[in-house]
Amino acid sequence: PCSRNKNITLSVIPGHFATNHSHINYYIDMTGIKYRSMIAKQAGETIAQFYEHNTSIDTIICMDGCEVIGAYLAEEFANAGVNTTTQHHSCYVITPEFDRSGQMIVRENIAPMIKGRHVLVILATAMSGRTISKSIRCITSYGGIVEGISVIFSNNVNEIEGHRVYSIFDHDDLP
């Protein structure tokens, strides 16, 4: 269970697993957190606690299938009165794409949702920080301002390029 919200639990299976960037001793299944609406809502509420008091958020970029969490987070921000500079006073919730070289991009119709906007990134994991670094480069190249980075699980990645990484679960939550 999450120390910040007992309604959110992480499924963990022991073993040896390899990703492109790391080796881990546990398979961490986040499917329920990302796709079950009631749990995704709880995750959005938990993430909002990191930002709601003094941050402007215009755009939420969702990576790794975190769109449901992003939608609930945007709703939570709206209910809490989090500042936004958008004309309609609500957050954009978007997902970037990757080109053939692995560079993160957004389509022309999405780019205005980043340019000059205060942006929060949500990812499933922060294992090495490579995807977060790509996200930061993408946001800044499109003229956005990185206001926050949140993940479901972080393996001791607490800061990337001067930006704090907030996590619902971290290494200490594993068995």
Foldseek 3Di string as FASTA:
>chain_A
DFPQDVVADWDWAADWDDDPVDIDGIDIDCCCCQPVLVNLLVLLLSVCVVPQPDDEAAEEEEPDRNQSNVVSVQVNSQVSVHHFPDPVGTHHYYYWDADPVRQTEHDPVCLVSQAVGEYEYEYAEAEPCPVVVSVVVHSVVSHHHHDAYEYQEYAPPQDDPHHGYHYSYYPVPDD
